[in-house]
Amino acid sequence: MTITVNVGDADLNELLAKVEAGEDVVLVRDGVPVAQVKSLAPQPASKTELIQTILREREGRPSITQEEIAEWKQVGRR
């Protein structure tokens, strides 16, 4: 999400909080964009990328049986 703010009205702490939350902030002076502030933190991956990562991690692992799952549940109830 991009937020446009007037430079004179800007509260630096509020702007930094928005940037830390992953929002881009465009600073505007007299109706003209003069700067854009972006987070340096890596952005979260898309849902598709996350699903692909999970599927890659699961490749080659043995399948889990229903019996194993039932056993784990019993162990967890002890």
C-alpha atoms as a PDB file:
ATOM      1  CA  MET A   1       0.000   0.000   0.000  1.00  0.00           C
ATOM      2  CA  THR A   2       1.271   3.464  -0.797  1.00  0.00           C
ATOM      3  CA  ILE A   3       0.471   6.389   1.487  1.00  0.00           C
ATOM      4  CA  THR A   4       0.921   9.972   0.310  1.00  0.00           C
ATOM      5  CA  VAL A   5       1.650  12.600   2.957  1.00  0.00           C
ATOM      6  CA  ASN A   6       2.432  16.281   2.893  1.00  0.00           C
ATOM      7  CA  VAL A   7       5.966  16.979   4.123  1.00  0.00           C
ATOM      8  CA  GLY A   8       4.859  19.731   6.505  1.00  0.00           C
ATOM      9  CA  ASP A   9       2.221  17.538   8.119  1.00  0.00           C
ATOM     10  CA  ALA A  10       4.461  14.508   8.538  1.00  0.00           C
ATOM     11  CA  ASP A  11       5.101  12.936  11.930  1.00  0.00           C
ATOM     12  CA  LEU A  12       8.373  11.021  11.523  1.00  0.00           C
ATOM     13  CA  ASN A  13       7.529   8.397  14.161  1.00  0.00           C
ATOM     14  CA  GLU A  14       4.189   7.674  12.514  1.00  0.00           C
ATOM     15  CA  LEU A  15       5.789   7.451   9.061  1.00  0.00           C
ATOM     16  CA  LEU A  16       8.487   5.073  10.288  1.00  0.00           C
ATOM     17  CA  ALA A  17       5.860   2.880  11.941  1.00  0.00           C
ATOM     18  CA  LYS A  18       4.015   2.625   8.625  1.00  0.00           C
ATOM     19  CA  VAL A  19       7.229   1.816   6.753  1.00  0.00           C
ATOM     20  CA  GLU A  20       8.126  -0.850   9.337  1.00  0.00           C
ATOM     21  CA  ALA A  21       4.661  -2.339   8.784  1.00  0.00           C
ATOM     22  CA  GLY A  22       5.551  -2.789   5.107  1.00  0.00           C
ATOM     23  CA  GLU A  23       3.909   0.273   3.589  1.00  0.00           C
ATOM     24  CA  ASP A  24       5.611   2.594   1.103  1.00  0.00           C
ATOM     25  CA  VAL A  25       5.323   6.288   1.951  1.00  0.00           C
ATOM     26  CA  VAL A  26       5.455   8.998  -0.712  1.00  0.00           C
ATOM     27  CA  LEU A  27       6.399  12.468   0.573  1.00  0.00           C
ATOM     28  CA  VAL A  28       4.715  15.323  -1.281  1.00  0.00           C
ATOM     29  CA  ARG A  29       5.579  19.032  -1.223  1.00  0.00           C
ATOM     30  CA  ASP A  30       3.066  21.460  -2.753  1.00  0.00           C
ATOM     31  CA  GLY A  31       1.338  18.603  -4.551  1.00  0.00           C
ATOM     32  CA  VAL A  32       4.571  17.290  -6.118  1.00  0.00           C
ATOM     33  CA  PRO A  33       6.040  13.933  -5.031  1.00  0.00           C
ATOM     34  CA  VAL A  34       9.595  14.526  -3.770  1.00  0.00           C
ATOM     35  CA  ALA A  35      10.612  11.269  -2.091  1.00  0.00           C
ATOM     36  CA  GLN A  36       9.548   7.722  -1.413  1.00  0.00           C
ATOM     37  CA  VAL A  37      10.393   5.865   1.799  1.00  0.00           C
ATOM     38  CA  LYS A  38      10.546   2.065   1.615  1.00  0.00           C
ATOM     39  CA  SER A  39      11.396  -0.585   4.162  1.00  0.00           C
ATOM     40  CA  LEU A  40      14.830  -2.196   4.020  1.00  0.00           C
ATOM     41  CA  ALA A  41      13.402  -5.396   5.502  1.00  0.00           C
ATOM     42  CA  PRO A  42      12.692  -8.154   2.998  1.00  0.00           C
ATOM     43  CA  GLN A  43       9.046  -8.325   2.004  1.00  0.00           C
ATOM     44  CA  PRO A  44       7.151 -11.499   2.799  1.00  0.00           C
ATOM     45  CA  ALA A  45       6.885 -14.016   0.005  1.00  0.00           C
ATOM     46  CA  SER A  46       3.629 -14.439  -1.858  1.00  0.00           C
ATOM     47  CA  LYS A  47       1.297 -17.283  -0.930  1.00  0.00           C
ATOM     48  CA  THR A  48       2.273 -19.114  -4.115  1.00  0.00           C
ATOM     49  CA  GLU A  49       5.987 -18.853  -3.269  1.00  0.00           C
ATOM     50  CA  LEU A  50       5.355 -20.095   0.271  1.00  0.00           C
ATOM     51  CA  ILE A  51       3.354 -23.089  -0.974  1.00  0.00           C
ATOM     52  CA  GLN A  52       6.079 -23.950  -3.503  1.00  0.00           C
ATOM     53  CA  THR A  53       8.704 -23.762  -0.748  1.00  0.00           C
ATOM     54  CA  ILE A  54       6.685 -26.115   1.471  1.00  0.00           C
ATOM     55  CA  LEU A  55       6.177 -28.581  -1.377  1.00  0.00           C
ATOM     56  CA  ARG A  56       9.915 -28.546  -2.200  1.00  0.00           C
ATOM     57  CA  GLU A  57      10.753 -29.205   1.460  1.00  0.00           C
ATOM     58  CA  ARG A  58       8.338 -32.145   1.576  1.00  0.00           C
ATOM     59  CA  GLU A  59       9.794 -33.813  -1.526  1.00  0.00           C
ATOM     60  CA  GLY A  60      11.652 -37.019  -0.765  1.00  0.00           C
ATOM     61  CA  ARG A  61      10.292 -37.344   2.748  1.00  0.00           C
ATOM     62  CA  PRO A  62       8.466 -40.568   3.544  1.00  0.00           C
ATOM     63  CA  SER A  63       4.689 -40.400   3.738  1.00  0.00           C
ATOM     64  CA  ILE A  64       3.082 -40.445   7.156  1.00  0.00           C
ATOM     65  CA  THR A  65       0.465 -43.113   7.838  1.00  0.00           C
ATOM     66  CA  GLN A  66      -2.823 -42.675   9.640  1.00  0.00           C
ATOM     67  CA  GLU A  67      -1.542 -45.061  12.304  1.00  0.00           C
ATOM     68  CA  GLU A  68       1.474 -42.830  12.996  1.00  0.00           C
ATOM     69  CA  ILE A  69      -0.756 -39.787  13.356  1.00  0.00           C
ATOM     70  CA  ALA A  70      -3.069 -41.664  15.757  1.00  0.00           C
ATOM     71  CA  GLU A  71      -0.039 -42.774  17.799  1.00  0.00           C
ATOM     72  CA  TRP A  72       1.286 -39.206  18.025  1.00  0.00           C
ATOM     73  CA  LYS A  73      -2.114 -38.021  19.246  1.00  0.00           C
ATOM     74  CA  GLN A  74      -2.090 -40.660  21.981  1.00  0.00           C
ATOM     75  CA  VAL A  75       1.429 -39.681  23.051  1.00  0.00           C
ATOM     76  CA  GLY A  76       0.355 -36.030  23.178  1.00  0.00           C
ATOM     77  CA  ARG A  77      -2.563 -36.848  25.472  1.00  0.00           C
ATOM     78  CA  ARG A  78      -0.363 -38.423  28.140  1.00  0.00           C
END
